[in-house]
Amino acid sequence: MKAVVCTRYGPPEVLRVEERETPVPRKNEVRVRIRATAVTSSDCYVRGLMLSPVYRIMGRLALGWNGPRQPVLGMVLSGVVDAIGPDVRRFGVGDRVFGFNKSRFGTYAQYVCWPEDGLLAARPANLTDEEAAAIPYGGLLALHFLRKVGVQAGQRVLVFGASGAVGTSAVQLARHLGAEVTGVCSTTNVDLVTSLGATRVVDYTVEDFTDGTDRYDLVFDAVGKRKSAAALLRCRQVLAPGGVCISVDDGTPKLLREDLVLLGELAARGEIKPVIDRTYALDDIVEAHRYVDTGHKRGNVVISVA
């Protein structure tokens, strides 16, 4: 099978496409013929070991010292089950699925074996594989943090970084939960964030979102403290009494299969929609990583796997 391999940490150019042996599903595993995956910011952090010096040693111990222990990166997939191992009950050959796996990686390839009880669910029938691949990463992370703080109908939520993969999901999911949402983004993304249901959109290039009298029950940093630490300090100025400020990199998120199923149901009903900035072929994975590294993607960057 064709796969993208990363044997050392570094810039996008460390990635290379090569032929590898097609995996065989073991007990309780399914094999998925991948039709689409996505390049997430987490993929890029792993590829480049983009950690502060304090955490770099721990990162090497967890991921691999000189390069990723699992050389085929990728966390997201959409495709079709083409083989099953012994004792598989939940899925059958021919099932169209989408999924996410934060720790196993392996989706930058034509095939991957996946535990049937992992984060794998039926793909919404109204979505293409590319569209389905744009849902799990941002959707699962946003849903985890919105639930963690217990967002309720009528509350006011500010999403900082509202145009990224997590931010576009957070805006839509907060609206689904009944919150009044303000999105913060750059000029070029104002129309996008408005279209996702934000009640108000603040263009941070021309307006200081901490000015004025607006106060929020939740400020959700969808960018991550590595890039937004200074802005987060100012965010606390706009919290309502009892309000909470959280960041997408606060702790290890608990990602649940039932949440993936819920995201699929919401997408099937049109209550959330995937946001795709660019689509690349698997052979162009280096260029896709270069683009994500710029930090200016809108929503998701998807990889079509031939």
C-alpha atoms as a PDB file:
ATOM      1  CA  MET A   1       0.000   0.000   0.000  1.00  0.00           C
ATOM      2  CA  LYS A   2       0.996   3.643  -0.376  1.00  0.00           C
ATOM      3  CA  ALA A   3       1.760   5.465   2.879  1.00  0.00           C
ATOM      4  CA  VAL A   4       3.402   8.655   4.118  1.00  0.00           C
ATOM      5  CA  VAL A   5       6.343   7.923   6.403  1.00  0.00           C
ATOM      6  CA  CYS A   6       8.063  10.156   8.974  1.00  0.00           C
ATOM      7  CA  THR A   7      11.228   8.620  10.439  1.00  0.00           C
ATOM      8  CA  ARG A   8      12.705  11.776  11.981  1.00  0.00           C
ATOM      9  CA  TYR A   9      11.400  15.027  13.392  1.00  0.00           C
ATOM     10  CA  GLY A  10      11.664  18.137  11.314  1.00  0.00           C
ATOM     11  CA  PRO A  11      10.034  20.341   8.669  1.00  0.00           C
ATOM     12  CA  PRO A  12       7.443  19.047   6.186  1.00  0.00           C
ATOM     13  CA  GLU A  13      10.220  17.793   3.931  1.00  0.00           C
ATOM     14  CA  VAL A  14      10.951  14.899   6.321  1.00  0.00           C
ATOM     15  CA  LEU A  15       7.745  13.267   5.075  1.00  0.00           C
ATOM     16  CA  ARG A  16       8.028  10.839   2.183  1.00  0.00           C
ATOM     17  CA  VAL A  17       5.599   8.642   0.292  1.00  0.00           C
ATOM     18  CA  GLU A  18       6.593   4.999  -0.006  1.00  0.00           C
ATOM     19  CA  GLU A  19       5.179   1.514  -0.415  1.00  0.00           C
ATOM     20  CA  ARG A  20       4.546  -0.459   2.764  1.00  0.00           C
ATOM     21  CA  GLU A  21       2.979  -3.807   3.516  1.00  0.00           C
ATOM     22  CA  THR A  22      -0.810  -3.740   3.740  1.00  0.00           C
ATOM     23  CA  PRO A  23      -1.830  -4.535   7.339  1.00  0.00           C
ATOM     24  CA  VAL A  24      -3.938  -7.559   8.256  1.00  0.00           C
ATOM     25  CA  PRO A  25      -6.660  -7.087  10.897  1.00  0.00           C
ATOM     26  CA  ARG A  26      -6.194  -8.961  14.161  1.00  0.00           C
ATOM     27  CA  LYS A  27      -8.798 -10.030  16.680  1.00  0.00           C
ATOM     28  CA  ASN A  28     -11.428  -7.316  17.242  1.00  0.00           C
ATOM     29  CA  GLU A  29      -9.936  -5.128  14.495  1.00  0.00           C
ATOM     30  CA  VAL A  30     -11.321  -3.893  11.203  1.00  0.00           C
ATOM     31  CA  ARG A  31      -9.282  -2.808   8.209  1.00  0.00           C
ATOM     32  CA  VAL A  32     -10.382   0.403   6.571  1.00  0.00           C
ATOM     33  CA  ARG A  33      -9.634   1.346   2.979  1.00  0.00           C
ATOM     34  CA  ILE A  34      -9.011   5.028   3.566  1.00  0.00           C
ATOM     35  CA  ARG A  35     -10.560   7.453   1.107  1.00  0.00           C
ATOM     36  CA  ALA A  36      -9.731  10.675   2.934  1.00  0.00           C
ATOM     37  CA  THR A  37      -7.759  11.898   5.922  1.00  0.00           C
ATOM     38  CA  ALA A  38      -6.823  15.331   7.259  1.00  0.00           C
ATOM     39  CA  VAL A  39      -3.693  17.246   8.233  1.00  0.00           C
ATOM     40  CA  THR A  40      -4.316  18.537  11.746  1.00  0.00           C
ATOM     41  CA  SER A  41      -2.237  20.916  13.816  1.00  0.00           C
ATOM     42  CA  SER A  42      -1.493  17.959  16.101  1.00  0.00           C
ATOM     43  CA  ASP A  43      -0.023  16.040  13.151  1.00  0.00           C
ATOM     44  CA  CYS A  44       2.285  18.966  12.472  1.00  0.00           C
ATOM     45  CA  TYR A  45       3.302  19.253  16.131  1.00  0.00           C
ATOM     46  CA  VAL A  46       4.260  15.571  16.161  1.00  0.00           C
ATOM     47  CA  ARG A  47       6.100  15.762  12.848  1.00  0.00           C
ATOM     48  CA  GLY A  48       8.128  18.765  13.975  1.00  0.00           C
ATOM     49  CA  LEU A  49       8.243  17.906  17.700  1.00  0.00           C
ATOM     50  CA  MET A  50       6.898  21.416  18.234  1.00  0.00           C
ATOM     51  CA  LEU A  51       7.184  21.428  22.002  1.00  0.00           C
ATOM     52  CA  SER A  52       8.790  23.842  24.416  1.00  0.00           C
ATOM     53  CA  PRO A  53      12.215  22.728  25.708  1.00  0.00           C
ATOM     54  CA  VAL A  54      10.626  21.841  29.054  1.00  0.00           C
ATOM     55  CA  TYR A  55       8.343  19.255  27.426  1.00  0.00           C
ATOM     56  CA  ARG A  56      10.584  18.082  24.579  1.00  0.00           C
ATOM     57  CA  ILE A  57      12.211  15.235  26.517  1.00  0.00           C
ATOM     58  CA  MET A  58       8.825  13.982  27.677  1.00  0.00           C
ATOM     59  CA  GLY A  59       7.600  14.253  24.107  1.00  0.00           C
ATOM     60  CA  ARG A  60      10.481  12.152  22.814  1.00  0.00           C
ATOM     61  CA  LEU A  61       9.858   9.530  25.487  1.00  0.00           C
ATOM     62  CA  ALA A  62       6.187   9.360  24.581  1.00  0.00           C
ATOM     63  CA  LEU A  63       6.435   9.576  20.793  1.00  0.00           C
ATOM     64  CA  GLY A  64       9.902   8.242  19.971  1.00  0.00           C
ATOM     65  CA  TRP A  65      13.365   9.645  20.605  1.00  0.00           C
ATOM     66  CA  ASN A  66      14.723  10.474  17.156  1.00  0.00           C
ATOM     67  CA  GLY A  67      11.473  10.216  15.242  1.00  0.00           C
ATOM     68  CA  PRO A  68       7.890   9.044  15.708  1.00  0.00           C
ATOM     69  CA  ARG A  69       7.719   5.475  16.977  1.00  0.00           C
ATOM     70  CA  GLN A  70       4.748   5.040  14.654  1.00  0.00           C
ATOM     71  CA  PRO A  71       6.234   6.428  11.425  1.00  0.00           C
ATOM     72  CA  VAL A  72       2.909   6.679   9.581  1.00  0.00           C
ATOM     73  CA  LEU A  73       1.213   9.746  11.038  1.00  0.00           C
ATOM     74  CA  GLY A  74      -2.409  10.820  10.684  1.00  0.00           C
ATOM     75  CA  MET A  75      -5.287  10.674  13.176  1.00  0.00           C
ATOM     76  CA  VAL A  76      -8.408  11.093  11.044  1.00  0.00           C
ATOM     77  CA  LEU A  77     -10.022   8.841   8.457  1.00  0.00           C
ATOM     78  CA  SER A  78     -13.039   8.334   6.282  1.00  0.00           C
ATOM     79  CA  GLY A  79     -13.365   5.240   4.144  1.00  0.00           C
ATOM     80  CA  VAL A  80     -14.836   1.770   3.854  1.00  0.00           C
ATOM     81  CA  VAL A  81     -14.289  -1.395   5.892  1.00  0.00           C
ATOM     82  CA  ASP A  82     -12.693  -3.909   3.515  1.00  0.00           C
ATOM     83  CA  ALA A  83     -11.702  -6.699   5.952  1.00  0.00           C
ATOM     84  CA  ILE A  84     -12.477  -7.731   9.525  1.00  0.00           C
ATOM     85  CA  GLY A  85     -10.580  -9.768  12.086  1.00  0.00           C
ATOM     86  CA  PRO A  86     -11.941 -12.509  14.341  1.00  0.00           C
ATOM     87  CA  ASP A  87     -14.774 -11.648  16.759  1.00  0.00           C
ATOM     88  CA  VAL A  88     -15.695  -8.344  15.116  1.00  0.00           C
ATOM     89  CA  ARG A  89     -19.399  -7.653  15.683  1.00  0.00           C
ATOM     90  CA  ARG A  90     -19.965  -3.939  15.255  1.00  0.00           C
ATOM     91  CA  PHE A  91     -18.874  -3.518  11.630  1.00  0.00           C
ATOM     92  CA  GLY A  92     -18.967  -5.545   8.434  1.00  0.00           C
ATOM     93  CA  VAL A  93     -17.173  -5.472   5.096  1.00  0.00           C
ATOM     94  CA  GLY A  94     -18.550  -2.641   2.988  1.00  0.00           C
ATOM     95  CA  ASP A  95     -19.513  -0.368   5.890  1.00  0.00           C
ATOM     96  CA  ARG A  96     -18.691   3.280   5.240  1.00  0.00           C
ATOM     97  CA  VAL A  97     -17.053   4.754   8.318  1.00  0.00           C
ATOM     98  CA  PHE A  98     -15.228   7.768   9.689  1.00  0.00           C
ATOM     99  CA  GLY A  99     -13.087   8.040  12.774  1.00  0.00           C
ATOM    100  CA  PHE A 100     -10.344   9.538  14.889  1.00  0.00           C
ATOM    101  CA  ASN A 101      -7.460   8.073  16.845  1.00  0.00           C
ATOM    102  CA  LYS A 102      -5.196  10.408  18.762  1.00  0.00           C
ATOM    103  CA  SER A 103      -2.527   7.933  19.839  1.00  0.00           C
ATOM    104  CA  ARG A 104      -2.264   5.163  17.235  1.00  0.00           C
ATOM    105  CA  PHE A 105      -1.797   7.378  14.156  1.00  0.00           C
ATOM    106  CA  GLY A 106      -1.523   5.529  10.826  1.00  0.00           C
ATOM    107  CA  THR A 107      -4.125   7.239   8.628  1.00  0.00           C
ATOM    108  CA  TYR A 108      -1.704   8.793   6.130  1.00  0.00           C
ATOM    109  CA  ALA A 109      -2.042   5.583   4.149  1.00  0.00           C
ATOM    110  CA  GLN A 110      -4.355   3.629   1.882  1.00  0.00           C
ATOM    111  CA  TYR A 111      -5.205   1.119   4.626  1.00  0.00           C
ATOM    112  CA  VAL A 112      -5.216   1.025   8.410  1.00  0.00           C
ATOM    113  CA  CYS A 113      -6.344  -1.513  11.002  1.00  0.00           C
ATOM    114  CA  TRP A 114      -8.553  -0.086  13.735  1.00  0.00           C
ATOM    115  CA  PRO A 115     -10.017  -1.551  16.947  1.00  0.00           C
ATOM    116  CA  GLU A 116     -13.754  -1.951  16.415  1.00  0.00           C
ATOM    117  CA  ASP A 117     -14.435  -0.424  19.837  1.00  0.00           C
ATOM    118  CA  GLY A 118     -12.316   2.632  19.024  1.00  0.00           C
ATOM    119  CA  LEU A 119     -13.449   6.035  17.781  1.00  0.00           C
ATOM    120  CA  LEU A 120     -15.064   4.683  14.627  1.00  0.00           C
ATOM    121  CA  ALA A 121     -18.653   5.245  13.493  1.00  0.00           C
ATOM    122  CA  ALA A 122     -20.918   5.091  10.471  1.00  0.00           C
ATOM    123  CA  ARG A 123     -20.154   7.889   8.029  1.00  0.00           C
ATOM    124  CA  PRO A 124     -23.075  10.278   7.467  1.00  0.00           C
ATOM    125  CA  ALA A 125     -24.627   9.254   4.153  1.00  0.00           C
ATOM    126  CA  ASN A 126     -25.026  12.853   2.993  1.00  0.00           C
ATOM    127  CA  LEU A 127     -21.299  13.590   3.256  1.00  0.00           C
ATOM    128  CA  THR A 128     -18.438  12.747   0.927  1.00  0.00           C
ATOM    129  CA  ASP A 129     -15.380  11.070   2.410  1.00  0.00           C
ATOM    130  CA  GLU A 130     -13.533  14.376   2.244  1.00  0.00           C
ATOM    131  CA  GLU A 131     -16.327  16.149   4.123  1.00  0.00           C
ATOM    132  CA  ALA A 132     -16.522  13.398   6.737  1.00  0.00           C
ATOM    133  CA  ALA A 133     -12.762  13.635   7.327  1.00  0.00           C
ATOM    134  CA  ALA A 134     -13.233  17.309   8.225  1.00  0.00           C
ATOM    135  CA  ILE A 135     -15.455  16.549  11.229  1.00  0.00           C
ATOM    136  CA  PRO A 136     -13.745  14.338  13.878  1.00  0.00           C
ATOM    137  CA  TYR A 137     -10.692  16.369  14.942  1.00  0.00           C
ATOM    138  CA  GLY A 138     -12.259  19.754  15.566  1.00  0.00           C
ATOM    139  CA  GLY A 139     -15.659  18.331  16.424  1.00  0.00           C
ATOM    140  CA  LEU A 140     -14.512  15.938  19.135  1.00  0.00           C
ATOM    141  CA  LEU A 141     -12.168  18.442  20.767  1.00  0.00           C
ATOM    142  CA  ALA A 142     -14.720  21.252  20.736  1.00  0.00           C
ATOM    143  CA  LEU A 143     -17.478  19.013  22.085  1.00  0.00           C
ATOM    144  CA  HIS A 144     -15.243  17.757  24.897  1.00  0.00           C
ATOM    145  CA  PHE A 145     -14.393  21.230  26.169  1.00  0.00           C
ATOM    146  CA  LEU A 146     -17.894  22.661  25.776  1.00  0.00           C
ATOM    147  CA  ARG A 147     -19.241  19.755  27.791  1.00  0.00           C
ATOM    148  CA  LYS A 148     -16.433  20.021  30.336  1.00  0.00           C
ATOM    149  CA  VAL A 149     -17.610  23.473  31.363  1.00  0.00           C
ATOM    150  CA  GLY A 150     -21.299  22.615  30.959  1.00  0.00           C
ATOM    151  CA  VAL A 151     -22.344  25.170  28.352  1.00  0.00           C
ATOM    152  CA  GLN A 152     -26.091  25.750  28.563  1.00  0.00           C
ATOM    153  CA  ALA A 153     -28.765  27.480  26.536  1.00  0.00           C
ATOM    154  CA  GLY A 154     -28.761  31.235  26.955  1.00  0.00           C
ATOM    155  CA  GLN A 155     -25.137  31.517  28.028  1.00  0.00           C
ATOM    156  CA  ARG A 156     -22.733  33.805  26.213  1.00  0.00           C
ATOM    157  CA  VAL A 157     -19.695  32.140  24.667  1.00  0.00           C
ATOM    158  CA  LEU A 158     -16.690  33.794  23.034  1.00  0.00           C
ATOM    159  CA  VAL A 159     -14.620  31.599  20.711  1.00  0.00           C
ATOM    160  CA  PHE A 160     -11.092  32.890  20.141  1.00  0.00           C
ATOM    161  CA  GLY A 161      -9.685  31.460  16.909  1.00  0.00           C
ATOM    162  CA  ALA A 162     -13.157  30.841  15.504  1.00  0.00           C
ATOM    163  CA  SER A 163     -12.020  30.033  11.957  1.00  0.00           C
ATOM    164  CA  GLY A 164      -9.768  27.013  12.607  1.00  0.00           C
ATOM    165  CA  ALA A 165     -10.707  23.340  12.767  1.00  0.00           C
ATOM    166  CA  VAL A 166     -11.617  23.465  16.464  1.00  0.00           C
ATOM    167  CA  GLY A 167     -13.009  26.990  16.310  1.00  0.00           C
ATOM    168  CA  THR A 168     -15.441  26.375  13.448  1.00  0.00           C
ATOM    169  CA  SER A 169     -16.715  23.314  15.298  1.00  0.00           C
ATOM    170  CA  ALA A 170     -16.968  25.190  18.605  1.00  0.00           C
ATOM    171  CA  VAL A 171     -19.059  27.963  17.060  1.00  0.00           C
ATOM    172  CA  GLN A 172     -21.522  25.476  15.561  1.00  0.00           C
ATOM    173  CA  LEU A 173     -21.714  23.201  18.597  1.00  0.00           C
ATOM    174  CA  ALA A 174     -22.141  26.066  21.056  1.00  0.00           C
ATOM    175  CA  ARG A 175     -24.999  27.340  18.904  1.00  0.00           C
ATOM    176  CA  HIS A 176     -26.472  23.827  18.849  1.00  0.00           C
ATOM    177  CA  LEU A 177     -26.381  23.851  22.657  1.00  0.00           C
ATOM    178  CA  GLY A 178     -28.333  27.102  22.656  1.00  0.00           C
ATOM    179  CA  ALA A 179     -25.555  29.536  23.518  1.00  0.00           C
ATOM    180  CA  GLU A 180     -25.130  33.019  22.093  1.00  0.00           C
ATOM    181  CA  VAL A 181     -21.776  32.914  20.304  1.00  0.00           C
ATOM    182  CA  THR A 182     -19.236  35.614  19.544  1.00  0.00           C
ATOM    183  CA  GLY A 183     -16.408  34.561  17.247  1.00  0.00           C
ATOM    184  CA  VAL A 184     -12.991  36.208  17.083  1.00  0.00           C
ATOM    185  CA  CYS A 185     -11.086  35.899  13.801  1.00  0.00           C
ATOM    186  CA  SER A 186      -9.263  37.881  11.106  1.00  0.00           C
ATOM    187  CA  THR A 187     -10.867  39.991   8.373  1.00  0.00           C
ATOM    188  CA  THR A 188     -10.803  37.286   5.707  1.00  0.00           C
ATOM    189  CA  ASN A 189     -12.750  34.878   7.919  1.00  0.00           C
ATOM    190  CA  VAL A 190     -15.543  37.129   9.190  1.00  0.00           C
ATOM    191  CA  ASP A 191     -18.072  35.951   6.594  1.00  0.00           C
ATOM    192  CA  LEU A 192     -17.209  32.296   7.228  1.00  0.00           C
ATOM    193  CA  VAL A 193     -17.681  32.541  10.991  1.00  0.00           C
ATOM    194  CA  THR A 194     -20.917  34.483  10.519  1.00  0.00           C
ATOM    195  CA  SER A 195     -22.220  31.749   8.214  1.00  0.00           C
ATOM    196  CA  LEU A 196     -21.593  29.156  10.937  1.00  0.00           C
ATOM    197  CA  GLY A 197     -24.059  30.837  13.264  1.00  0.00           C
ATOM    198  CA  ALA A 198     -22.056  33.319  15.314  1.00  0.00           C
ATOM    199  CA  THR A 199     -24.299  36.079  16.629  1.00  0.00           C
ATOM    200  CA  ARG A 200     -21.411  38.521  16.529  1.00  0.00           C
ATOM    201  CA  VAL A 201     -17.985  38.338  14.906  1.00  0.00           C
ATOM    202  CA  VAL A 202     -15.030  40.413  16.078  1.00  0.00           C
ATOM    203  CA  ASP A 203     -12.262  41.118  13.575  1.00  0.00           C
ATOM    204  CA  TYR A 204      -9.243  41.205  15.866  1.00  0.00           C
ATOM    205  CA  THR A 205      -7.173  43.107  13.277  1.00  0.00           C
ATOM    206  CA  VAL A 206      -9.367  46.194  13.664  1.00  0.00           C
ATOM    207  CA  GLU A 207     -11.112  45.748  17.019  1.00  0.00           C
ATOM    208  CA  ASP A 208      -9.934  44.849  20.514  1.00  0.00           C
ATOM    209  CA  PHE A 209     -12.411  42.231  21.684  1.00  0.00           C
ATOM    210  CA  THR A 210     -11.613  43.052  25.323  1.00  0.00           C
ATOM    211  CA  ASP A 211     -12.889  46.618  24.916  1.00  0.00           C
ATOM    212  CA  GLY A 212     -16.484  47.468  25.681  1.00  0.00           C
ATOM    213  CA  THR A 213     -18.948  46.106  28.172  1.00  0.00           C
ATOM    214  CA  ASP A 214     -19.676  42.626  26.785  1.00  0.00           C
ATOM    215  CA  ARG A 215     -19.115  39.842  29.292  1.00  0.00           C
ATOM    216  CA  TYR A 216     -19.062  36.098  28.664  1.00  0.00           C
ATOM    217  CA  ASP A 217     -19.851  32.957  30.619  1.00  0.00           C
ATOM    218  CA  LEU A 218     -17.178  31.097  28.660  1.00  0.00           C
ATOM    219  CA  VAL A 219     -14.120  32.199  26.742  1.00  0.00           C
ATOM    220  CA  PHE A 220     -12.916  29.268  24.652  1.00  0.00           C
ATOM    221  CA  ASP A 221      -9.405  29.534  23.221  1.00  0.00           C
ATOM    222  CA  ALA A 222      -9.552  27.290  20.151  1.00  0.00           C
ATOM    223  CA  VAL A 223      -5.972  28.114  19.150  1.00  0.00           C
ATOM    224  CA  GLY A 224      -3.927  26.858  22.104  1.00  0.00           C
ATOM    225  CA  LYS A 225      -1.818  28.646  24.691  1.00  0.00           C
ATOM    226  CA  ARG A 226       1.375  28.095  22.681  1.00  0.00           C
ATOM    227  CA  LYS A 227       0.150  30.739  20.235  1.00  0.00           C
ATOM    228  CA  SER A 228      -2.381  32.712  22.248  1.00  0.00           C
ATOM    229  CA  ALA A 229      -0.984  33.150  25.762  1.00  0.00           C
ATOM    230  CA  ALA A 230      -0.978  36.954  25.605  1.00  0.00           C
ATOM    231  CA  ALA A 231      -4.518  37.092  24.237  1.00  0.00           C
ATOM    232  CA  LEU A 232      -5.745  34.696  26.913  1.00  0.00           C
ATOM    233  CA  LEU A 233      -4.538  36.997  29.660  1.00  0.00           C
ATOM    234  CA  ARG A 234      -6.706  39.737  28.184  1.00  0.00           C
ATOM    235  CA  CYS A 235      -9.630  37.341  27.685  1.00  0.00           C
ATOM    236  CA  ARG A 236     -10.067  37.108  31.429  1.00  0.00           C
ATOM    237  CA  GLN A 237     -11.059  40.773  31.424  1.00  0.00           C
ATOM    238  CA  VAL A 238     -14.300  39.935  29.609  1.00  0.00           C
ATOM    239  CA  LEU A 239     -15.489  37.088  31.845  1.00  0.00           C
ATOM    240  CA  ALA A 240     -18.837  37.470  33.564  1.00  0.00           C
ATOM    241  CA  PRO A 241     -18.988  36.693  37.307  1.00  0.00           C
ATOM    242  CA  GLY A 242     -18.476  32.959  37.606  1.00  0.00           C
ATOM    243  CA  GLY A 243     -17.277  32.790  33.998  1.00  0.00           C
ATOM    244  CA  VAL A 244     -14.649  30.327  32.809  1.00  0.00           C
ATOM    245  CA  CYS A 245     -11.708  30.619  30.414  1.00  0.00           C
ATOM    246  CA  ILE A 246     -10.479  27.372  28.838  1.00  0.00           C
ATOM    247  CA  SER A 247      -7.958  26.483  26.158  1.00  0.00           C
ATOM    248  CA  VAL A 248      -7.950  23.613  23.692  1.00  0.00           C
ATOM    249  CA  ASP A 249      -4.651  22.420  25.149  1.00  0.00           C
ATOM    250  CA  ASP A 250      -5.861  22.318  28.761  1.00  0.00           C
ATOM    251  CA  GLY A 251      -5.116  18.761  29.804  1.00  0.00           C
ATOM    252  CA  THR A 252      -5.805  15.532  27.931  1.00  0.00           C
ATOM    253  CA  PRO A 253      -9.292  15.502  26.412  1.00  0.00           C
ATOM    254  CA  LYS A 254     -11.555  12.527  26.960  1.00  0.00           C
ATOM    255  CA  LEU A 255     -12.804  11.600  23.505  1.00  0.00           C
ATOM    256  CA  LEU A 256     -15.798   9.273  23.330  1.00  0.00           C
ATOM    257  CA  ARG A 257     -17.200   7.079  20.580  1.00  0.00           C
ATOM    258  CA  GLU A 258     -20.720   8.226  21.409  1.00  0.00           C
ATOM    259  CA  ASP A 259     -19.618  11.797  20.738  1.00  0.00           C
ATOM    260  CA  LEU A 260     -18.368  10.795  17.287  1.00  0.00           C
ATOM    261  CA  VAL A 261     -21.746   9.150  16.667  1.00  0.00           C
ATOM    262  CA  LEU A 262     -23.464  12.362  17.811  1.00  0.00           C
ATOM    263  CA  LEU A 263     -21.343  14.469  15.456  1.00  0.00           C
ATOM    264  CA  GLY A 264     -22.315  12.167  12.608  1.00  0.00           C
ATOM    265  CA  GLU A 265     -25.994  12.522  13.482  1.00  0.00           C
ATOM    266  CA  LEU A 266     -25.739  16.315  13.665  1.00  0.00           C
ATOM    267  CA  ALA A 267     -23.966  16.405  10.301  1.00  0.00           C
ATOM    268  CA  ALA A 268     -26.579  14.095   8.781  1.00  0.00           C
ATOM    269  CA  ARG A 269     -29.304  16.519   9.890  1.00  0.00           C
ATOM    270  CA  GLY A 270     -27.362  19.520   8.617  1.00  0.00           C
ATOM    271  CA  GLU A 271     -27.009  20.993  12.101  1.00  0.00           C
ATOM    272  CA  ILE A 272     -23.243  21.159  11.756  1.00  0.00           C
ATOM    273  CA  LYS A 273     -21.312  21.344   8.524  1.00  0.00           C
ATOM    274  CA  PRO A 274     -17.709  20.477   7.689  1.00  0.00           C
ATOM    275  CA  VAL A 275     -15.424  23.362   6.803  1.00  0.00           C
ATOM    276  CA  ILE A 276     -12.713  22.531   4.267  1.00  0.00           C
ATOM    277  CA  ASP A 277     -10.055  25.046   3.300  1.00  0.00           C
ATOM    278  CA  ARG A 278      -8.005  22.974   0.852  1.00  0.00           C
ATOM    279  CA  THR A 279      -7.859  19.403  -0.405  1.00  0.00           C
ATOM    280  CA  TYR A 280      -4.573  17.773  -1.422  1.00  0.00           C
ATOM    281  CA  ALA A 281      -3.644  14.409  -2.885  1.00  0.00           C
ATOM    282  CA  LEU A 282      -1.676  12.015  -0.666  1.00  0.00           C
ATOM    283  CA  ASP A 283       1.356  12.522  -2.900  1.00  0.00           C
ATOM    284  CA  ASP A 284       1.233  16.237  -2.035  1.00  0.00           C
ATOM    285  CA  ILE A 285       1.365  15.715   1.736  1.00  0.00           C
ATOM    286  CA  VAL A 286       4.513  17.852   2.089  1.00  0.00           C
ATOM    287  CA  GLU A 287       2.768  20.842   0.539  1.00  0.00           C
ATOM    288  CA  ALA A 288      -0.266  20.247   2.765  1.00  0.00           C
ATOM    289  CA  HIS A 289       1.935  20.311   5.886  1.00  0.00           C
ATOM    290  CA  ARG A 290       3.653  23.477   4.674  1.00  0.00           C
ATOM    291  CA  TYR A 291       0.271  25.148   4.391  1.00  0.00           C
ATOM    292  CA  VAL A 292      -0.944  24.039   7.821  1.00  0.00           C
ATOM    293  CA  ASP A 293       2.363  25.226   9.307  1.00  0.00           C
ATOM    294  CA  THR A 294       1.522  28.784   8.194  1.00  0.00           C
ATOM    295  CA  GLY A 295      -1.175  28.847  10.873  1.00  0.00           C
ATOM    296  CA  HIS A 296      -3.708  30.455   8.546  1.00  0.00           C
ATOM    297  CA  LYS A 297      -5.925  27.577   7.447  1.00  0.00           C
ATOM    298  CA  ARG A 298      -9.696  28.001   7.536  1.00  0.00           C
ATOM    299  CA  GLY A 299     -11.283  24.948   9.068  1.00  0.00           C
ATOM    300  CA  ASN A 300      -9.644  21.774   7.807  1.00  0.00           C
ATOM    301  CA  VAL A 301      -7.037  20.678   5.298  1.00  0.00           C
ATOM    302  CA  VAL A 302      -8.122  17.365   3.823  1.00  0.00           C
ATOM    303  CA  ILE A 303      -6.097  14.690   2.037  1.00  0.00           C
ATOM    304  CA  SER A 304      -7.782  12.660  -0.689  1.00  0.00           C
ATOM    305  CA  VAL A 305      -6.340   9.137  -0.682  1.00  0.00           C
ATOM    306  CA  ALA A 306      -6.471   7.448  -4.091  1.00  0.00           C
END
